[in-house]
């Protein structure tokens, strides 16, 4: 039996929705008590659901908490300063990055 791509896509969307609370909880636990975090973002090509066979540029923001050996991956379509500002909104510690301007002027 062959399952259609749209059915598989629907399953993936539903599973992603069901996993959102787990993602949110891990993010909260990741930041809880953190005193030192390393951050970097990498460009990745992502399939565009609105344009068949088209790709757009997205970014995987990666945060590492070496003291607990944890890594948090956060996909975003953009690379603007709002991404780390939102992520580090309640973080009060040391942030190490490569100096990309989006990390500058963050109050941590």
N, C-alpha and C. Protein backbone atom coordinates (compact mmCIF):
# COMPACT_ATOMS: atom_id res chain seq x y z
N UNK A 1 0.84 -1.18 0.00
CA UNK A 1 0.00 0.00 0.00
C UNK A 1 0.88 1.24 0.00
N UNK A 2 0.59 2.13 -0.89
CA UNK A 2 1.36 3.37 -1.02
C UNK A 2 0.61 4.50 -0.31
N UNK A 3 1.30 5.20 0.59
CA UNK A 3 0.70 6.31 1.32
C UNK A 3 1.07 7.60 0.60
N UNK A 4 0.10 8.47 0.38
CA UNK A 4 0.36 9.70 -0.37
C UNK A 4 1.25 10.67 0.41
N UNK A 5 1.97 11.51 -0.32
CA UNK A 5 2.84 12.51 0.30
C UNK A 5 2.03 13.47 1.18
N UNK A 6 0.83 13.81 0.76
CA UNK A 6 0.02 14.74 1.55
C UNK A 6 -0.40 14.10 2.88
N UNK A 7 -0.66 12.81 2.86
CA UNK A 7 -1.01 12.11 4.11
C UNK A 7 0.18 12.09 5.06
N UNK A 8 1.35 11.76 4.53
CA UNK A 8 2.56 11.74 5.36
C UNK A 8 2.85 13.15 5.88
N UNK A 9 2.66 14.15 5.04
CA UNK A 9 2.85 15.54 5.47
C UNK A 9 1.90 15.91 6.60
N UNK A 10 0.67 15.47 6.50
CA UNK A 10 -0.32 15.72 7.55
C UNK A 10 0.07 15.06 8.85
N UNK A 11 0.57 13.83 8.76
CA UNK A 11 1.03 13.13 9.95
C UNK A 11 2.19 13.87 10.61
N UNK A 12 3.10 14.36 9.78
CA UNK A 12 4.26 15.09 10.30
C UNK A 12 3.83 16.38 10.98
N UNK A 13 2.91 17.11 10.37
CA UNK A 13 2.38 18.33 10.98
C UNK A 13 1.73 18.04 12.33
N UNK A 14 0.93 16.99 12.39
CA UNK A 14 0.25 16.62 13.62
C UNK A 14 1.25 16.20 14.70
N UNK A 15 2.23 15.40 14.32
CA UNK A 15 3.25 14.96 15.28
C UNK A 15 4.04 16.16 15.80
N UNK A 16 4.36 17.11 14.92
CA UNK A 16 5.08 18.31 15.34
C UNK A 16 4.27 19.10 16.35
N UNK A 17 2.99 19.22 16.12
CA UNK A 17 2.11 19.93 17.06
C UNK A 17 2.08 19.24 18.42
N UNK A 18 2.03 17.92 18.39
CA UNK A 18 2.00 17.16 19.64
C UNK A 18 3.31 17.25 20.42
N UNK A 19 4.41 17.45 19.69
CA UNK A 19 5.73 17.54 20.33
C UNK A 19 6.08 18.95 20.82
N UNK A 20 5.29 19.95 20.43
CA UNK A 20 5.59 21.34 20.82
C UNK A 20 5.73 21.53 22.33
N UNK A 21 4.84 20.96 23.16
CA UNK A 21 5.01 21.12 24.61
C UNK A 21 6.33 20.53 25.12
N UNK A 22 6.78 19.43 24.53
CA UNK A 22 8.05 18.83 24.91
C UNK A 22 9.21 19.77 24.55
N UNK A 23 9.14 20.35 23.36
CA UNK A 23 10.14 21.32 22.90
C UNK A 23 10.19 22.52 23.84
N UNK A 24 9.03 23.06 24.18
CA UNK A 24 8.96 24.22 25.08
C UNK A 24 9.52 23.90 26.46
N UNK A 25 9.21 22.71 26.96
CA UNK A 25 9.71 22.30 28.28
C UNK A 25 11.23 22.12 28.25
N UNK A 26 11.74 21.52 27.18
CA UNK A 26 13.20 21.35 27.09
C UNK A 26 13.89 22.72 27.02
N UNK A 27 13.33 23.65 26.28
CA UNK A 27 13.91 24.99 26.20
C UNK A 27 13.94 25.63 27.59
N UNK A 28 12.86 25.53 28.31
CA UNK A 28 12.78 26.09 29.66
C UNK A 28 13.82 25.45 30.58
N UNK A 29 13.93 24.13 30.54
CA UNK A 29 14.91 23.42 31.37
C UNK A 29 16.34 23.72 30.93
N UNK A 30 16.54 23.89 29.62
CA UNK A 30 17.86 24.21 29.09
C UNK A 30 18.35 25.54 29.66
N UNK A 31 17.47 26.53 29.70
CA UNK A 31 17.85 27.87 30.17
C UNK A 31 17.86 27.99 31.70
N UNK A 32 17.12 27.12 32.37
CA UNK A 32 16.99 27.18 33.83
C UNK A 32 18.35 26.99 34.50
N UNK A 33 18.76 27.98 35.27
CA UNK A 33 20.01 27.89 36.00
C UNK A 33 21.26 27.99 35.16
N UNK A 34 21.12 28.27 33.87
CA UNK A 34 22.29 28.37 32.99
C UNK A 34 23.13 29.59 33.35
N UNK A 35 24.43 29.40 33.41
CA UNK A 35 25.33 30.53 33.67
C UNK A 35 26.26 30.80 32.48
N UNK A 36 26.36 29.83 31.57
CA UNK A 36 27.26 29.96 30.42
C UNK A 36 26.67 29.18 29.25
N UNK A 37 26.45 29.87 28.14
CA UNK A 37 25.91 29.25 26.93
C UNK A 37 26.72 29.70 25.73
N UNK A 38 26.97 28.77 24.83
CA UNK A 38 27.62 29.08 23.56
C UNK A 38 26.54 29.08 22.48
N UNK A 39 26.68 29.98 21.50
CA UNK A 39 25.66 30.09 20.46
C UNK A 39 26.28 30.28 19.08
N UNK A 40 25.61 29.73 18.09
CA UNK A 40 26.02 29.91 16.70
C UNK A 40 24.82 29.60 15.82
N UNK A 41 24.83 30.14 14.63
CA UNK A 41 23.75 29.88 13.67
C UNK A 41 24.37 29.48 12.35
N UNK A 42 23.72 28.55 11.66
CA UNK A 42 24.23 28.05 10.38
C UNK A 42 23.13 28.09 9.34
N UNK A 43 23.47 28.52 8.12
CA UNK A 43 22.46 28.52 7.06
C UNK A 43 22.16 27.10 6.59
N UNK A 44 20.90 26.85 6.29
CA UNK A 44 20.50 25.57 5.72
C UNK A 44 19.45 25.83 4.64
N UNK A 45 19.46 25.00 3.64
CA UNK A 45 18.45 25.08 2.59
C UNK A 45 17.23 24.27 3.02
N UNK A 46 16.05 24.88 2.88
CA UNK A 46 14.82 24.26 3.33
C UNK A 46 13.83 24.23 2.17
N UNK A 47 13.13 23.11 2.02
CA UNK A 47 12.13 23.02 0.96
C UNK A 47 11.00 24.01 1.25
N UNK A 48 10.55 24.66 0.21
CA UNK A 48 9.47 25.65 0.33
C UNK A 48 8.15 24.96 -0.02
N UNK A 49 7.25 24.88 0.95
CA UNK A 49 5.99 24.16 0.71
C UNK A 49 5.09 24.88 -0.29
N UNK A 50 5.32 26.20 -0.48
CA UNK A 50 4.47 26.96 -1.40
C UNK A 50 4.96 26.90 -2.84
N UNK A 51 6.21 26.53 -3.04
CA UNK A 51 6.78 26.46 -4.39
C UNK A 51 7.41 25.09 -4.60
N UNK A 52 6.79 24.30 -5.44
CA UNK A 52 7.26 22.93 -5.67
C UNK A 52 8.71 22.92 -6.14
N UNK A 53 9.51 22.09 -5.51
CA UNK A 53 10.93 21.89 -5.82
C UNK A 53 11.79 23.13 -5.56
N UNK A 54 11.25 24.13 -4.85
CA UNK A 54 12.03 25.33 -4.54
C UNK A 54 12.59 25.24 -3.12
N UNK A 55 13.72 25.88 -2.92
CA UNK A 55 14.36 25.93 -1.62
C UNK A 55 14.48 27.37 -1.17
N UNK A 56 14.43 27.59 0.14
CA UNK A 56 14.72 28.91 0.67
C UNK A 56 15.79 28.77 1.75
N UNK A 57 16.42 29.88 2.06
CA UNK A 57 17.48 29.89 3.07
C UNK A 57 16.86 29.99 4.46
N UNK A 58 17.18 29.06 5.31
CA UNK A 58 16.76 29.10 6.70
C UNK A 58 18.01 29.05 7.57
N UNK A 59 17.82 29.12 8.87
CA UNK A 59 18.96 29.10 9.79
C UNK A 59 18.68 28.17 10.96
N UNK A 60 19.66 27.34 11.27
CA UNK A 60 19.59 26.51 12.46
C UNK A 60 20.43 27.21 13.51
N UNK A 61 19.76 27.70 14.53
CA UNK A 61 20.42 28.35 15.66
C UNK A 61 20.73 27.24 16.66
N UNK A 62 21.99 27.13 17.02
CA UNK A 62 22.43 26.07 17.92
C UNK A 62 22.97 26.70 19.20
N UNK A 63 22.45 26.22 20.31
CA UNK A 63 22.87 26.71 21.63
C UNK A 63 23.43 25.54 22.41
N UNK A 64 24.60 25.74 23.00
CA UNK A 64 25.26 24.67 23.74
C UNK A 64 25.49 25.10 25.18
N UNK A 65 25.14 24.21 26.08
CA UNK A 65 25.32 24.44 27.52
C UNK A 65 26.35 23.42 28.00
N UNK A 66 27.65 23.78 27.90
CA UNK A 66 28.71 22.80 28.17
C UNK A 66 28.69 22.22 29.58
N UNK A 67 28.29 23.01 30.56
CA UNK A 67 28.32 22.50 31.94
C UNK A 67 27.38 21.31 32.14
N UNK A 68 26.31 21.24 31.36
CA UNK A 68 25.36 20.12 31.45
C UNK A 68 25.42 19.19 30.24
N UNK A 69 26.31 19.51 29.30
CA UNK A 69 26.46 18.73 28.06
C UNK A 69 25.15 18.65 27.28
N UNK A 70 24.45 19.79 27.20
CA UNK A 70 23.19 19.86 26.47
C UNK A 70 23.34 20.74 25.24
N UNK A 71 22.59 20.39 24.18
CA UNK A 71 22.55 21.20 22.96
C UNK A 71 21.09 21.40 22.60
N UNK A 72 20.76 22.64 22.21
CA UNK A 72 19.39 22.99 21.84
C UNK A 72 19.41 23.52 20.41
N UNK A 73 18.61 22.93 19.53
CA UNK A 73 18.51 23.36 18.14
C UNK A 73 17.22 24.14 17.97
N UNK A 74 17.32 25.30 17.31
CA UNK A 74 16.15 26.16 17.12
C UNK A 74 16.14 26.69 15.69
N UNK A 75 15.29 26.11 14.83
CA UNK A 75 15.20 26.56 13.44
C UNK A 75 14.44 27.88 13.36
N UNK A 76 14.92 28.76 12.49
CA UNK A 76 14.23 30.01 12.22
C UNK A 76 14.46 30.38 10.76
N UNK A 77 13.47 31.01 10.15
CA UNK A 77 13.62 31.41 8.75
C UNK A 77 14.62 32.55 8.59
N UNK A 78 14.84 33.31 9.66
CA UNK A 78 15.72 34.46 9.55
C UNK A 78 16.94 34.41 10.43
N UNK A 79 17.76 35.45 10.30
CA UNK A 79 19.02 35.56 11.03
C UNK A 79 19.07 36.89 11.77
N UNK A 80 17.92 37.45 12.06
CA UNK A 80 17.86 38.77 12.67
C UNK A 80 18.15 38.72 14.16
N UNK A 81 18.40 39.86 14.75
CA UNK A 81 18.72 39.95 16.18
C UNK A 81 17.53 39.55 17.06
N UNK A 82 16.32 39.57 16.52
CA UNK A 82 15.14 39.18 17.30
C UNK A 82 15.18 37.71 17.72
N UNK A 83 15.87 36.88 16.94
CA UNK A 83 15.93 35.45 17.26
C UNK A 83 16.67 35.22 18.58
N UNK A 84 17.93 35.69 18.73
CA UNK A 84 18.59 35.49 20.03
C UNK A 84 17.99 36.35 21.13
N UNK A 85 17.43 37.49 20.79
CA UNK A 85 16.78 38.32 21.82
C UNK A 85 15.63 37.56 22.47
N UNK A 86 14.83 36.89 21.65
CA UNK A 86 13.69 36.11 22.18
C UNK A 86 14.20 34.91 22.96
N UNK A 87 15.20 34.22 22.42
CA UNK A 87 15.70 33.01 23.08
C UNK A 87 16.31 33.33 24.44
N UNK A 88 17.07 34.41 24.51
CA UNK A 88 17.78 34.76 25.74
C UNK A 88 17.04 35.78 26.60
N UNK A 89 15.77 35.95 26.36
CA UNK A 89 14.96 36.94 27.07
C UNK A 89 15.11 36.87 28.59
N UNK A 90 15.14 35.69 29.17
CA UNK A 90 15.22 35.53 30.62
C UNK A 90 16.56 34.96 31.08
N UNK A 91 17.55 34.95 30.21
CA UNK A 91 18.86 34.39 30.53
C UNK A 91 19.73 35.45 31.20
N UNK A 92 20.34 35.10 32.31
CA UNK A 92 21.26 36.00 32.99
C UNK A 92 22.57 35.25 33.23
N UNK A 93 23.44 35.30 32.27
CA UNK A 93 24.72 34.61 32.38
C UNK A 93 25.66 35.08 31.29
N UNK A 94 26.64 34.27 31.00
CA UNK A 94 27.64 34.59 29.98
C UNK A 94 27.28 33.89 28.68
N UNK A 95 27.29 34.65 27.59
CA UNK A 95 27.02 34.12 26.27
C UNK A 95 28.29 34.22 25.44
N UNK A 96 28.71 33.10 24.86
CA UNK A 96 29.88 33.09 23.98
C UNK A 96 29.38 32.86 22.56
N UNK A 97 29.82 33.71 21.64
CA UNK A 97 29.43 33.57 20.23
C UNK A 97 30.61 33.95 19.36
N UNK A 98 30.39 33.88 18.05
CA UNK A 98 31.44 34.24 17.11
C UNK A 98 31.48 35.74 16.82
N UNK A 99 30.67 36.52 17.51
CA UNK A 99 30.68 37.96 17.33
C UNK A 99 29.70 38.46 16.27
N UNK A 100 28.88 37.57 15.72
CA UNK A 100 27.88 38.01 14.74
C UNK A 100 27.03 39.10 15.37
N UNK A 101 26.71 40.13 14.59
CA UNK A 101 26.05 41.33 15.12
C UNK A 101 24.71 41.06 15.81
N UNK A 102 24.04 39.97 15.49
CA UNK A 102 22.74 39.67 16.14
C UNK A 102 22.92 39.42 17.63
N UNK A 103 24.12 38.99 18.03
CA UNK A 103 24.37 38.72 19.44
C UNK A 103 24.81 39.96 20.22
N UNK A 104 25.21 41.00 19.49
CA UNK A 104 25.69 42.21 20.15
C UNK A 104 24.55 42.94 20.84
N UNK A 105 24.88 43.58 21.93
CA UNK A 105 23.95 44.39 22.70
C UNK A 105 22.84 43.57 23.37
N UNK A 106 23.05 42.27 23.51
CA UNK A 106 22.11 41.47 24.29
C UNK A 106 22.43 41.71 25.76
N UNK A 107 21.43 41.88 26.55
CA UNK A 107 21.63 42.03 27.99
C UNK A 107 21.42 40.66 28.60
N UNK A 108 22.52 40.02 28.96
CA UNK A 108 22.43 38.68 29.56
C UNK A 108 23.03 38.69 30.95
